[in-house]
N, C-alpha and C. Protein backbone atom coordinates (compact mmCIF):
# COMPACT_ATOMS: atom_id res chain seq x y z
N MET A 1 67.61 26.91 31.37
CA MET A 1 67.86 27.53 30.56
C MET A 1 67.00 27.14 29.20
N SER A 2 65.70 27.46 28.85
CA SER A 2 65.42 26.82 27.96
C SER A 2 64.32 27.56 26.74
N ASP A 3 64.10 27.37 25.38
CA ASP A 3 63.51 28.05 24.33
C ASP A 3 62.27 27.65 24.37
N THR A 4 61.78 26.55 25.28
CA THR A 4 60.60 26.16 25.14
C THR A 4 59.90 25.83 26.60
N THR A 5 58.91 25.78 26.59
CA THR A 5 58.00 25.26 28.01
C THR A 5 58.41 24.08 28.27
N ILE A 6 58.71 23.69 29.73
CA ILE A 6 59.01 22.30 30.15
C ILE A 6 57.96 21.06 30.08
N ASN A 7 58.26 19.74 29.47
CA ASN A 7 56.97 19.13 29.66
C ASN A 7 56.81 18.67 31.19
N LEU A 8 55.57 18.69 31.69
CA LEU A 8 55.91 18.60 32.74
C LEU A 8 54.98 16.79 33.46
N THR A 9 56.31 15.82 33.57
CA THR A 9 55.89 14.49 33.78
C THR A 9 55.13 14.56 34.94
N PRO A 10 54.80 12.74 35.39
CA PRO A 10 54.38 13.11 36.54
C PRO A 10 55.40 13.43 38.16
N GLN A 11 56.50 12.75 37.47
CA GLN A 11 57.60 13.34 38.77
C GLN A 11 57.84 14.35 38.67
N LEU A 12 57.90 15.00 37.85
CA LEU A 12 57.55 16.58 37.85
C LEU A 12 57.01 17.76 38.58
N TYR A 13 56.08 16.91 38.09
CA TYR A 13 54.95 17.42 38.41
C TYR A 13 54.38 17.30 40.08
N GLU A 14 54.86 16.31 40.83
CA GLU A 14 54.79 15.91 41.75
C GLU A 14 55.36 17.29 42.73
N TYR A 15 56.98 16.95 42.06
CA TYR A 15 57.96 17.86 42.59
C TYR A 15 57.41 18.91 42.65
N LEU A 16 57.01 19.68 41.59
CA LEU A 16 56.37 21.45 41.40
C LEU A 16 55.24 21.21 42.65
N GLN A 17 54.39 20.21 43.26
CA GLN A 17 53.68 20.55 43.88
C GLN A 17 54.40 20.50 45.29
N ASN A 18 55.20 19.98 45.45
CA ASN A 18 56.13 19.68 47.00
C ASN A 18 56.85 20.63 46.96
N VAL A 19 57.23 21.48 46.21
CA VAL A 19 58.36 22.79 46.59
C VAL A 19 57.29 23.72 46.40
N SER A 20 56.35 24.19 46.35
CA SER A 20 55.47 25.23 45.50
C SER A 20 54.23 25.77 46.08
N LEU A 21 53.53 24.54 46.30
CA LEU A 21 51.72 24.59 46.89
C LEU A 21 51.71 24.59 47.76
N ARG A 22 51.05 25.69 48.19
CA ARG A 22 50.50 26.12 49.64
C ARG A 22 48.88 26.00 49.70
N GLU A 23 48.26 24.83 49.83
CA GLU A 23 47.22 25.04 49.73
C GLU A 23 46.34 24.66 50.64
N PRO A 24 45.78 25.81 51.29
CA PRO A 24 44.89 25.81 52.81
C PRO A 24 44.02 25.18 52.70
N GLU A 25 43.96 24.34 54.01
CA GLU A 25 43.09 22.87 54.42
C GLU A 25 42.22 22.62 54.02
N VAL A 26 41.04 23.82 53.94
CA VAL A 26 39.96 23.48 53.94
C VAL A 26 39.62 23.72 51.99
N LEU A 27 40.48 24.02 51.13
CA LEU A 27 40.50 23.81 50.00
C LEU A 27 41.24 22.56 49.76
N LYS A 28 41.97 22.36 50.28
CA LYS A 28 42.28 20.64 50.33
C LYS A 28 41.11 19.63 50.33
N GLN A 29 40.58 19.96 50.92
CA GLN A 29 39.03 18.77 51.61
C GLN A 29 38.40 19.01 50.21
N LEU A 30 38.09 20.58 50.42
CA LEU A 30 37.02 20.71 49.02
C LEU A 30 37.40 20.00 47.82
N ARG A 31 38.64 19.72 47.33
CA ARG A 31 39.22 19.12 45.97
C ARG A 31 38.80 18.12 46.10
N GLN A 32 39.25 17.53 47.72
CA GLN A 32 39.33 16.12 47.58
C GLN A 32 37.47 15.26 47.64
N GLN A 33 36.92 16.11 48.57
CA GLN A 33 35.67 15.99 48.06
C GLN A 33 34.99 15.82 46.48
N THR A 34 35.24 16.85 46.02
CA THR A 34 34.82 17.17 44.39
C THR A 34 35.83 16.13 43.55
N GLN A 35 36.86 16.05 44.17
CA GLN A 35 37.29 14.61 42.70
C GLN A 35 36.53 13.30 43.22
N LYS A 36 35.94 12.61 44.07
CA LYS A 36 35.04 11.47 44.06
C LYS A 36 33.92 11.81 43.38
N MET A 37 33.22 12.80 42.73
CA MET A 37 32.45 12.82 41.53
C MET A 37 32.52 12.57 40.89
N SER A 38 31.64 12.06 39.56
CA SER A 38 31.72 11.64 38.59
C SER A 38 32.23 13.16 37.71
N THR A 39 32.12 14.51 37.84
CA THR A 39 32.21 15.17 37.52
C THR A 39 33.45 16.04 38.31
N GLY A 40 33.94 15.36 38.61
CA GLY A 40 35.16 16.15 39.71
C GLY A 40 36.51 16.27 38.46
N HIS A 41 36.63 15.83 37.40
CA HIS A 41 37.79 16.69 36.16
C HIS A 41 37.62 18.21 36.20
N MET A 42 36.06 18.04 36.37
CA MET A 42 35.69 19.72 36.01
C MET A 42 36.61 21.10 37.45
N GLN A 43 37.26 20.32 38.24
CA GLN A 43 37.55 21.64 38.94
C GLN A 43 39.10 21.53 38.80
N ILE A 44 39.47 23.17 38.74
CA ILE A 44 40.71 23.49 38.81
C ILE A 44 41.35 22.94 39.31
N SER A 45 42.96 22.67 39.25
CA SER A 45 44.26 22.01 39.61
C SER A 45 43.95 23.23 41.09
N PRO A 46 45.18 22.53 42.13
CA PRO A 46 45.47 23.15 43.09
C PRO A 46 46.36 24.50 42.75
N GLU A 47 47.15 24.02 41.69
CA GLU A 47 47.85 25.56 41.60
C GLU A 47 47.87 26.36 40.97
N GLN A 48 46.55 26.46 40.08
CA GLN A 48 46.41 26.98 39.56
C GLN A 48 45.49 28.03 40.32
N GLY A 49 44.33 27.64 41.37
CA GLY A 49 44.22 28.25 42.23
C GLY A 49 45.00 28.86 42.95
N GLN A 50 46.05 28.76 43.42
CA GLN A 50 47.60 29.52 43.59
C GLN A 50 47.52 30.70 43.50
N LEU A 51 47.62 30.41 41.88
CA LEU A 51 48.10 31.41 40.87
C LEU A 51 46.71 32.71 41.01
N MET A 52 46.22 31.95 40.83
CA MET A 52 44.60 32.76 40.93
C MET A 52 44.66 34.14 42.27
N ARG A 53 44.87 33.17 43.65
CA ARG A 53 45.18 33.74 44.56
C ARG A 53 46.39 35.00 44.71
N LEU A 54 47.52 34.78 43.94
CA LEU A 54 48.98 35.54 43.50
C LEU A 54 47.88 36.92 42.81
N LEU A 55 47.67 36.39 41.96
CA LEU A 55 47.01 37.29 40.58
C LEU A 55 46.15 38.28 41.92
N VAL A 56 45.63 38.28 42.12
CA VAL A 56 44.32 39.03 42.93
C VAL A 56 45.19 39.83 43.97
N GLU A 57 45.81 39.28 44.90
CA GLU A 57 46.89 40.13 45.57
C GLU A 57 47.53 41.34 44.75
N LEU A 58 48.37 40.65 43.50
CA LEU A 58 49.37 41.49 43.32
C LEU A 58 47.99 42.76 42.66
N ILE A 59 47.07 42.92 42.05
CA ILE A 59 46.35 43.79 41.50
C ILE A 59 45.36 44.41 42.61
N GLY A 60 45.31 43.78 43.66
CA GLY A 60 45.10 44.48 45.05
C GLY A 60 43.44 44.77 44.52
N ALA A 61 42.85 43.55 44.54
CA ALA A 61 41.32 43.19 43.66
C ALA A 61 40.96 43.30 45.19
N LYS A 62 39.53 43.83 44.98
CA LYS A 62 38.69 43.71 45.89
C LYS A 62 37.17 43.32 45.91
N LYS A 63 36.59 43.45 44.54
CA LYS A 63 35.67 43.17 43.84
C LYS A 63 35.65 42.52 42.33
N THR A 64 35.05 40.77 42.78
CA THR A 64 35.41 39.98 41.51
C THR A 64 33.98 38.85 40.91
N LEU A 65 34.76 38.45 40.08
CA LEU A 65 33.62 37.77 39.37
C LEU A 65 33.80 36.07 39.17
N ASP A 66 33.35 35.31 39.38
CA ASP A 66 33.36 33.75 39.37
C ASP A 66 32.11 33.11 38.27
N ILE A 67 32.74 32.94 37.18
CA ILE A 67 31.45 32.39 36.02
C ILE A 67 31.38 31.24 36.13
N GLY A 68 30.99 30.10 36.36
CA GLY A 68 31.26 28.95 36.51
C GLY A 68 31.52 28.54 37.74
N VAL A 69 30.30 28.28 38.93
CA VAL A 69 31.02 27.78 40.43
C VAL A 69 31.34 26.48 40.61
N PHE A 70 30.75 25.96 40.10
CA PHE A 70 31.10 24.12 40.31
C PHE A 70 30.89 23.84 42.14
N THR A 71 31.83 23.38 42.49
CA THR A 71 31.82 23.04 43.75
C THR A 71 32.19 24.18 45.10
N GLY A 72 33.09 24.85 44.27
CA GLY A 72 33.22 26.37 44.66
C GLY A 72 34.76 26.89 45.10
N TYR A 73 35.51 25.65 44.59
CA TYR A 73 37.04 25.99 44.67
C TYR A 73 37.59 27.06 44.42
N SER A 74 37.29 27.67 42.95
CA SER A 74 37.86 28.82 42.43
C SER A 74 37.24 29.89 43.10
N ALA A 75 36.11 30.10 43.62
CA ALA A 75 35.55 31.19 44.39
C ALA A 75 35.97 31.58 45.69
N LEU A 76 36.59 30.13 46.13
CA LEU A 76 36.94 30.20 47.60
C LEU A 76 38.63 30.38 47.26
N SER A 77 39.04 30.16 46.47
CA SER A 77 40.36 30.67 46.68
C SER A 77 40.99 31.99 46.40
N VAL A 78 40.11 32.88 45.22
CA VAL A 78 39.85 34.10 45.51
C VAL A 78 38.97 34.79 46.80
N ALA A 79 38.40 34.52 47.16
CA ALA A 79 38.27 35.00 48.59
C ALA A 79 38.43 34.75 49.51
N LEU A 80 39.48 34.07 50.04
CA LEU A 80 40.69 33.75 50.76
C LEU A 80 41.78 34.58 50.54
N ALA A 81 41.99 35.10 49.30
CA ALA A 81 42.89 36.38 49.12
C ALA A 81 42.11 37.91 49.28
N LEU A 82 41.30 37.96 48.89
CA LEU A 82 40.49 39.40 48.89
C LEU A 82 40.61 39.59 50.68
N PRO A 83 40.60 41.38 50.49
CA PRO A 83 40.81 41.91 52.09
C PRO A 83 38.97 41.07 52.29
N THR A 84 39.04 42.10 54.00
CA THR A 84 37.81 41.90 54.53
C THR A 84 35.95 42.17 54.00
N GLU A 85 36.63 43.70 53.55
CA GLU A 85 35.48 44.19 52.27
C GLU A 85 35.38 43.32 51.20
N GLY A 86 36.24 42.30 50.72
CA GLY A 86 36.15 42.55 49.17
C GLY A 86 34.90 41.20 48.78
N LYS A 87 34.69 40.97 47.66
CA LYS A 87 33.76 40.32 47.27
C LYS A 87 33.86 39.20 45.67
N VAL A 88 32.96 38.69 46.30
CA VAL A 88 33.31 37.63 45.04
C VAL A 88 31.56 37.35 44.51
N ILE A 89 31.43 37.73 43.20
CA ILE A 89 30.00 37.69 43.11
C ILE A 89 30.11 36.15 41.75
N GLY A 90 29.44 35.18 42.36
CA GLY A 90 29.41 33.71 41.57
C GLY A 90 28.30 33.34 40.93
N CYS A 91 28.44 33.29 39.54
CA CYS A 91 27.42 32.52 38.74
C CYS A 91 27.47 31.20 38.80
N ASP A 92 25.96 30.84 38.85
CA ASP A 92 25.86 29.21 38.32
C ASP A 92 24.77 28.75 38.28
N ILE A 93 24.05 27.73 37.87
CA ILE A 93 22.39 27.18 37.63
C ILE A 93 22.75 26.23 38.24
N ASN A 94 23.53 25.68 38.78
CA ASN A 94 23.78 24.45 39.25
C ASN A 94 23.12 24.12 40.92
N GLY A 95 21.96 24.40 41.74
CA GLY A 95 22.17 24.10 42.98
C GLY A 95 22.88 22.91 43.67
N GLU A 96 22.90 21.78 43.24
CA GLU A 96 23.57 20.71 44.03
C GLU A 96 25.07 20.50 44.21
N TRP A 97 25.42 21.06 42.64
CA TRP A 97 26.91 21.39 43.02
C TRP A 97 27.52 22.38 44.32
N THR A 98 25.86 23.70 43.99
CA THR A 98 27.01 24.78 45.16
C THR A 98 26.61 24.34 46.38
N LYS A 99 25.90 23.73 46.76
CA LYS A 99 25.22 22.96 47.91
C LYS A 99 26.91 22.74 48.43
N ILE A 100 27.66 21.76 47.84
CA ILE A 100 28.57 22.02 48.58
C ILE A 100 29.78 23.29 48.61
N ALA A 101 29.12 24.03 47.33
CA ALA A 101 30.45 25.21 47.57
C ALA A 101 30.18 25.96 48.80
N ARG A 102 28.64 26.01 49.26
CA ARG A 102 28.18 26.66 50.52
C ARG A 102 28.80 26.40 51.84
N ARG A 103 28.44 24.86 51.95
CA ARG A 103 29.15 24.30 53.11
C ARG A 103 30.71 24.75 53.21
N PHE A 104 31.43 24.54 51.90
CA PHE A 104 33.10 24.91 52.15
C PHE A 104 33.16 26.44 52.79
N TRP A 105 32.41 26.82 51.62
CA TRP A 105 32.86 28.44 52.12
C TRP A 105 32.03 28.99 53.66
N ASP A 106 30.87 28.23 54.10
CA ASP A 106 31.06 28.54 55.92
C ASP A 106 32.11 27.96 56.50
N GLU A 107 32.48 26.77 56.44
CA GLU A 107 33.45 26.10 56.71
C GLU A 107 34.56 26.85 56.91
N ALA A 108 35.10 27.17 55.53
CA ALA A 108 36.08 28.77 55.92
C ALA A 108 35.67 29.56 56.11
N GLY A 109 34.91 30.30 56.80
CA GLY A 109 34.57 31.47 56.96
C GLY A 109 34.05 32.71 56.12
N MET A 110 34.11 32.20 55.03
CA MET A 110 34.06 32.98 53.68
C MET A 110 32.85 33.41 53.18
N SER A 111 32.00 32.67 53.46
CA SER A 111 30.46 32.92 53.24
C SER A 111 29.91 34.41 52.90
N HIS A 112 30.77 35.52 53.50
CA HIS A 112 30.29 36.93 53.50
C HIS A 112 30.66 37.46 52.70
N LYS A 113 31.93 37.18 51.96
CA LYS A 113 32.64 37.46 51.11
C LYS A 113 31.94 36.79 49.68
N ILE A 114 31.06 35.84 49.42
CA ILE A 114 30.53 35.26 48.52
C ILE A 114 29.28 35.30 48.29
N ASP A 115 28.83 36.04 46.91
CA ASP A 115 27.32 35.98 46.76
C ASP A 115 26.92 35.33 45.56
N LEU A 116 26.26 34.23 45.58
CA LEU A 116 26.07 33.44 45.16
C LEU A 116 24.58 33.57 43.73
N ARG A 117 24.76 33.98 42.78
CA ARG A 117 23.69 33.97 41.74
C ARG A 117 23.22 32.40 41.11
N LEU A 118 21.94 32.21 41.56
CA LEU A 118 21.58 30.88 40.78
C LEU A 118 21.18 31.76 39.28
N ALA A 119 21.44 31.67 38.80
CA ALA A 119 21.04 32.14 37.44
C ALA A 119 21.60 32.04 35.99
N PRO A 120 21.39 31.85 34.92
CA PRO A 120 22.06 32.04 33.89
C PRO A 120 23.04 32.64 33.88
N ALA A 121 23.97 32.59 33.61
CA ALA A 121 25.27 33.95 34.01
C ALA A 121 25.41 34.80 32.99
N MET A 122 25.27 34.62 31.55
CA MET A 122 24.61 36.18 31.21
C MET A 122 23.57 36.61 31.39
N THR A 123 22.50 35.97 32.40
CA THR A 123 21.80 36.77 32.45
C THR A 123 21.96 37.98 33.83
N THR A 124 23.02 37.26 35.07
CA THR A 124 23.59 37.68 35.90
C THR A 124 24.32 38.93 35.48
N LEU A 125 25.05 38.47 34.53
CA LEU A 125 26.23 39.82 34.01
C LEU A 125 25.39 41.34 33.45
N GLN A 126 24.06 40.51 32.53
CA GLN A 126 23.84 41.71 31.88
C GLN A 126 23.09 42.85 32.70
N SER A 127 22.54 42.09 34.12
CA SER A 127 21.80 42.40 35.06
C SER A 127 22.88 43.29 35.67
N LEU A 128 24.00 43.18 36.15
CA LEU A 128 24.93 44.24 36.47
C LEU A 128 25.45 45.45 36.31
N ILE A 129 25.38 44.60 34.50
CA ILE A 129 25.68 46.06 33.41
C ILE A 129 24.52 47.02 33.59
N ASP A 130 23.21 46.50 33.61
CA ASP A 130 22.03 46.91 33.64
C ASP A 130 21.98 48.36 35.00
N ASP A 131 22.85 47.52 35.85
CA ASP A 131 22.91 48.48 37.34
C ASP A 131 23.74 49.46 37.31
N GLY A 132 24.36 49.39 35.96
CA GLY A 132 25.63 50.43 36.42
C GLY A 132 27.35 49.66 37.09
N GLU A 133 27.19 48.55 37.11
CA GLU A 133 28.78 48.39 37.24
C GLU A 133 29.61 48.31 36.27
N THR A 134 29.19 48.82 35.62
CA THR A 134 30.45 48.97 34.64
C THR A 134 31.90 49.38 35.17
N ASN A 135 33.13 48.92 34.85
CA ASN A 135 34.22 49.35 34.76
C ASN A 135 34.39 49.01 36.19
N THR A 136 33.99 48.70 37.25
CA THR A 136 34.13 48.46 38.60
C THR A 136 34.68 46.76 39.24
N PHE A 137 34.34 45.64 38.37
CA PHE A 137 35.20 44.73 39.27
C PHE A 137 36.76 44.64 38.71
N ASP A 138 37.49 44.35 39.49
CA ASP A 138 39.08 44.18 39.59
C ASP A 138 39.45 42.77 38.37
N PHE A 139 38.81 41.43 38.81
CA PHE A 139 38.82 40.33 38.38
C PHE A 139 37.82 39.68 38.04
N ALA A 140 38.20 38.99 36.90
CA ALA A 140 36.55 38.08 36.53
C ALA A 140 37.14 36.40 36.47
N PHE A 141 37.29 35.55 36.52
CA PHE A 141 37.15 33.87 35.91
C PHE A 141 36.45 33.50 35.62
N ILE A 142 36.70 33.21 34.33
CA ILE A 142 35.64 32.28 33.38
C ILE A 142 35.26 30.99 33.21
N ASP A 143 35.37 30.03 33.65
CA ASP A 143 34.65 28.46 33.78
C ASP A 143 33.75 27.95 33.65
N ALA A 144 33.06 28.49 32.74
CA ALA A 144 31.41 27.85 32.78
C ALA A 144 31.23 26.86 31.61
N ASP A 145 29.75 26.85 30.95
CA ASP A 145 30.02 26.10 29.63
C ASP A 145 30.18 27.07 27.97
N LYS A 146 31.37 26.09 27.60
CA LYS A 146 32.35 26.70 27.00
C LYS A 146 30.76 27.48 25.30
N ALA A 147 29.62 27.05 25.31
CA ALA A 147 29.20 27.33 24.56
C ALA A 147 29.03 29.45 24.23
N ASN A 148 29.19 29.80 25.66
CA ASN A 148 28.69 31.42 25.84
C ASN A 148 29.94 31.82 26.30
N TYR A 149 31.22 31.02 25.86
CA TYR A 149 32.49 31.89 26.41
C TYR A 149 32.70 32.88 25.92
N ILE A 150 32.32 32.97 24.60
CA ILE A 150 32.83 34.29 23.60
C ILE A 150 31.81 35.67 24.71
N ASN A 151 30.39 35.59 25.04
CA ASN A 151 29.93 36.22 25.28
C ASN A 151 30.32 36.73 26.26
N TYR A 152 30.27 35.85 27.54
CA TYR A 152 31.42 35.74 29.10
C TYR A 152 32.49 36.79 28.71
N TYR A 153 33.11 36.66 27.68
CA TYR A 153 34.34 37.23 27.61
C TYR A 153 34.20 38.76 27.49
N GLU A 154 32.83 38.81 26.53
CA GLU A 154 32.40 40.37 26.47
C GLU A 154 31.87 40.91 27.25
N GLN A 155 31.30 40.52 27.76
CA GLN A 155 30.65 41.05 29.11
C GLN A 155 31.48 41.40 30.52
N CYS A 156 32.47 40.36 30.43
CA CYS A 156 33.29 40.82 31.35
C CYS A 156 34.39 42.06 30.71
N LEU A 157 34.77 42.55 29.72
CA LEU A 157 35.39 43.67 29.37
C LEU A 157 34.53 44.89 29.60
N VAL A 158 33.12 44.69 29.61
CA VAL A 158 32.49 45.68 30.30
C VAL A 158 32.43 45.90 31.61
N LEU A 159 32.71 45.02 32.32
CA LEU A 159 32.41 44.97 33.57
C LEU A 159 33.80 45.19 34.55
N VAL A 160 34.88 44.68 33.64
CA VAL A 160 36.27 44.79 34.74
C VAL A 160 36.78 46.26 34.14
N ARG A 161 37.25 46.59 35.19
CA ARG A 161 37.86 47.97 35.27
C ARG A 161 39.55 48.20 34.18
N PRO A 162 39.35 49.41 33.74
CA PRO A 162 40.71 49.30 33.09
C PRO A 162 41.67 48.72 34.07
N GLY A 163 42.76 47.95 33.71
CA GLY A 163 43.45 47.86 34.41
C GLY A 163 43.33 46.34 34.88
N GLY A 164 42.52 46.02 35.01
CA GLY A 164 41.90 44.66 35.52
C GLY A 164 41.94 43.42 35.04
N LEU A 165 41.71 42.22 35.46
CA LEU A 165 42.13 41.35 34.91
C LEU A 165 41.39 40.09 34.66
N ILE A 166 41.06 39.28 33.29
CA ILE A 166 39.96 38.39 32.67
C ILE A 166 40.73 37.43 32.80
N ALA A 167 40.71 35.60 33.41
CA ALA A 167 41.20 34.82 33.50
C ALA A 167 40.20 33.92 32.80
N ILE A 168 40.51 32.93 31.74
CA ILE A 168 39.84 32.39 30.92
C ILE A 168 40.67 30.69 30.99
N ASP A 169 39.32 30.16 31.84
CA ASP A 169 39.86 28.33 32.01
C ASP A 169 39.89 27.25 30.78
N ASN A 170 40.54 26.48 30.61
CA ASN A 170 40.10 25.22 29.86
C ASN A 170 40.64 25.84 27.81
N VAL A 171 41.57 27.17 28.02
CA VAL A 171 41.27 27.26 26.65
C VAL A 171 42.77 26.44 25.75
N LEU A 172 42.82 25.68 26.41
CA LEU A 172 43.81 24.64 25.49
C LEU A 172 43.09 23.27 25.53
N TRP A 173 42.16 22.92 25.61
CA TRP A 173 41.48 21.83 25.94
C TRP A 173 41.38 20.75 25.18
N GLY A 174 42.42 20.34 26.81
CA GLY A 174 43.01 18.95 26.72
C GLY A 174 43.87 18.51 25.68
N GLY A 175 44.26 19.70 24.92
CA GLY A 175 44.95 19.26 23.38
C GLY A 175 44.75 19.76 22.29
N ASP A 176 42.79 19.52 22.66
CA ASP A 176 42.31 19.07 21.07
C ASP A 176 41.87 20.34 20.21
N VAL A 177 42.17 21.42 21.04
CA VAL A 177 42.13 22.65 19.89
C VAL A 177 42.95 22.49 18.72
N ALA A 178 44.54 21.60 18.97
CA ALA A 178 45.99 22.09 18.22
C ALA A 178 45.68 20.96 17.17
N ASP A 179 44.52 20.05 17.06
CA ASP A 179 44.07 19.16 16.14
C ASP A 179 42.88 19.01 15.27
N PRO A 180 42.82 19.50 14.10
CA PRO A 180 42.06 20.17 13.32
C PRO A 180 41.19 19.32 12.62
N ALA A 181 41.35 17.68 13.25
CA ALA A 181 40.51 16.50 12.56
C ALA A 181 39.30 16.83 14.09
N ILE A 182 39.79 17.68 15.00
CA ILE A 182 38.25 17.87 15.85
C ILE A 182 37.76 18.62 15.66
N THR A 183 36.01 18.78 15.63
CA THR A 183 35.46 19.54 14.91
C THR A 183 34.24 19.71 16.01
N ASP A 184 34.10 19.68 16.95
CA ASP A 184 32.80 19.53 17.98
C ASP A 184 32.78 21.04 18.14
N ALA A 185 31.20 21.13 18.07
CA ALA A 185 31.01 22.77 18.91
C ALA A 185 31.91 23.21 19.85
N ASN A 186 32.22 22.19 21.35
CA ASN A 186 32.64 23.23 22.11
C ASN A 186 34.17 23.67 21.83
N THR A 187 34.95 22.59 21.26
CA THR A 187 36.79 22.84 20.67
C THR A 187 36.00 24.10 19.73
N ASN A 188 35.48 23.67 18.78
CA ASN A 188 35.95 25.26 17.95
C ASN A 188 35.28 26.71 18.31
N VAL A 189 34.58 26.58 19.18
CA VAL A 189 34.37 27.55 20.22
C VAL A 189 35.45 28.25 20.90
N ILE A 190 36.11 27.28 21.57
CA ILE A 190 37.01 27.61 22.26
C ILE A 190 38.57 27.79 21.30
N ARG A 191 38.64 27.24 20.37
CA ARG A 191 39.23 28.25 18.72
C ARG A 191 39.12 29.46 18.80
N GLU A 192 37.85 29.77 18.42
CA GLU A 192 37.34 30.67 17.91
C GLU A 192 37.29 32.16 19.50
N LEU A 193 37.32 31.77 20.11
CA LEU A 193 37.50 32.37 21.70
C LEU A 193 38.76 32.31 21.71
N ASN A 194 40.08 32.28 21.79
CA ASN A 194 41.35 32.00 21.68
C ASN A 194 41.95 33.12 20.27
N ASP A 195 41.24 32.97 19.05
CA ASP A 195 41.67 33.46 18.01
C ASP A 195 41.02 34.90 18.35
N LYS A 196 39.89 35.16 19.13
CA LYS A 196 38.93 36.58 19.09
C LYS A 196 40.57 37.49 19.82
N VAL A 197 40.60 36.53 21.04
CA VAL A 197 41.68 36.75 22.30
C VAL A 197 43.26 37.80 21.87
N PHE A 198 43.68 36.95 21.29
CA PHE A 198 44.63 37.00 20.15
C PHE A 198 44.86 38.27 19.57
N ARG A 199 44.03 38.60 19.00
CA ARG A 199 43.91 39.79 18.14
C ARG A 199 43.12 41.28 18.87
N ASP A 200 42.02 40.90 19.82
CA ASP A 200 42.16 41.71 20.62
C ASP A 200 43.26 42.98 21.10
N GLU A 201 42.80 43.79 20.72
CA GLU A 201 43.73 45.35 20.83
C GLU A 201 42.99 45.77 21.84
N ARG A 202 42.73 45.58 22.77
CA ARG A 202 41.62 45.78 24.02
C ARG A 202 42.51 45.36 24.94
N VAL A 203 43.13 44.20 25.16
CA VAL A 203 43.41 43.73 26.11
C VAL A 203 45.12 43.43 25.95
N ALA A 204 46.06 43.16 26.75
CA ALA A 204 47.05 42.32 26.85
C ALA A 204 46.75 41.00 27.48
N ILE A 205 47.95 40.04 26.89
CA ILE A 205 47.68 38.67 27.00
C ILE A 205 48.91 37.75 27.15
N SER A 206 48.44 36.64 27.97
CA SER A 206 49.06 35.45 27.88
C SER A 206 48.43 34.26 28.38
N LEU A 207 48.64 33.54 27.58
CA LEU A 207 48.05 32.17 27.69
C LEU A 207 49.00 31.03 28.08
N LEU A 208 49.06 30.57 30.07
CA LEU A 208 49.42 29.94 30.20
C LEU A 208 49.30 28.49 30.35
N PRO A 209 50.55 27.59 30.11
CA PRO A 209 49.87 26.22 29.98
C PRO A 209 49.66 25.51 31.68
N ILE A 210 49.14 26.14 32.51
CA ILE A 210 48.94 25.51 33.58
C ILE A 210 47.50 24.71 33.91
N GLY A 211 46.95 23.79 34.33
CA GLY A 211 45.87 23.15 34.55
C GLY A 211 45.70 22.40 33.08
N ASP A 212 44.05 23.10 32.52
CA ASP A 212 43.50 22.94 30.98
C ASP A 212 44.48 23.95 29.85
N GLY A 213 45.13 24.73 30.60
CA GLY A 213 45.26 26.10 29.94
C GLY A 213 44.31 27.56 30.55
N LEU A 214 45.29 28.17 30.80
CA LEU A 214 44.41 29.64 31.31
C LEU A 214 45.20 31.10 30.52
N THR A 215 44.25 31.95 29.78
CA THR A 215 44.45 32.92 29.25
C THR A 215 44.14 34.32 30.16
N LEU A 216 45.52 35.10 30.53
CA LEU A 216 45.01 35.88 31.36
C LEU A 216 44.96 37.39 30.25
N ALA A 217 44.08 38.03 30.62
CA ALA A 217 43.82 39.10 29.64
C ALA A 217 43.68 40.41 30.36
N ARG A 218 44.96 41.30 30.15
CA ARG A 218 44.72 42.48 31.10
C ARG A 218 43.79 43.68 30.15
N LYS A 219 42.69 44.33 30.83
CA LYS A 219 41.98 45.20 29.91
C LYS A 219 42.67 46.44 30.17
N ARG A 220 42.92 47.48 28.96
CA ARG A 220 43.96 48.18 28.58
C ARG A 220 42.43 49.74 29.26
C-alpha cells in the first residue's frame, strides 16, 4: 500500500513489462523499426499501447480518431482491439513516416480498419464536423504537434460521443511542465492544456504517469 505513485526504476520497469506486456509480434517489430529512426523517441511506449487497447475494448469502441499517426503504432494498437467493422481515422501530414505505418498495417491485416488522411489534422477534424459526424466517435488519441493541442482537444470534444474517451499524450512533457524555469512554447501550451482540462466540467479526467504522461478525459 502506498499514498504516492511508485518510482519506476529500470529494474522495476523491466519487471513490469515481463509480467504484464502482451505485445503482438507485429507491434513489436514496428516499435523496433521505429526505434532505429532519429525520431524514434516520438513513439508511445508498448504498455501505453496495451492500455489503449484495453480501454477501447472496455468502452466497446467502433469508431476512433488517431491524431498524429507517425509510424502507425498507436493506430495499429487500437485497430487490433476494434471489431471487424471498426474504424480508425488517422490524421498526419508526413508521407514518409506513414509509409512505414501502411506497411505494418498491411502486415497485420488491419489496413481495412485504418483510414489515413494526409492533411493538417485540424482540417480533417473540421471536415468531419462539417460532414455531420458530431458525437459519433467513441475514442480519440491526441499525439500530434503540441502547438495545436488545445484546438485538437476542442474538436475532439465535438466529435466524441457522450461517454466516449479522449486520450492525450505527452502531458508530463519529460517533467518540463513542473519546472517554472522552462518557458518554451511547447511546454507552455501543454501547461495551458493541462490546466484547461483540469478545470473543464465537460469531462471526467485522470492523468496517468505512463509513458510521457497520458490524460484520459471521458466526455460527459
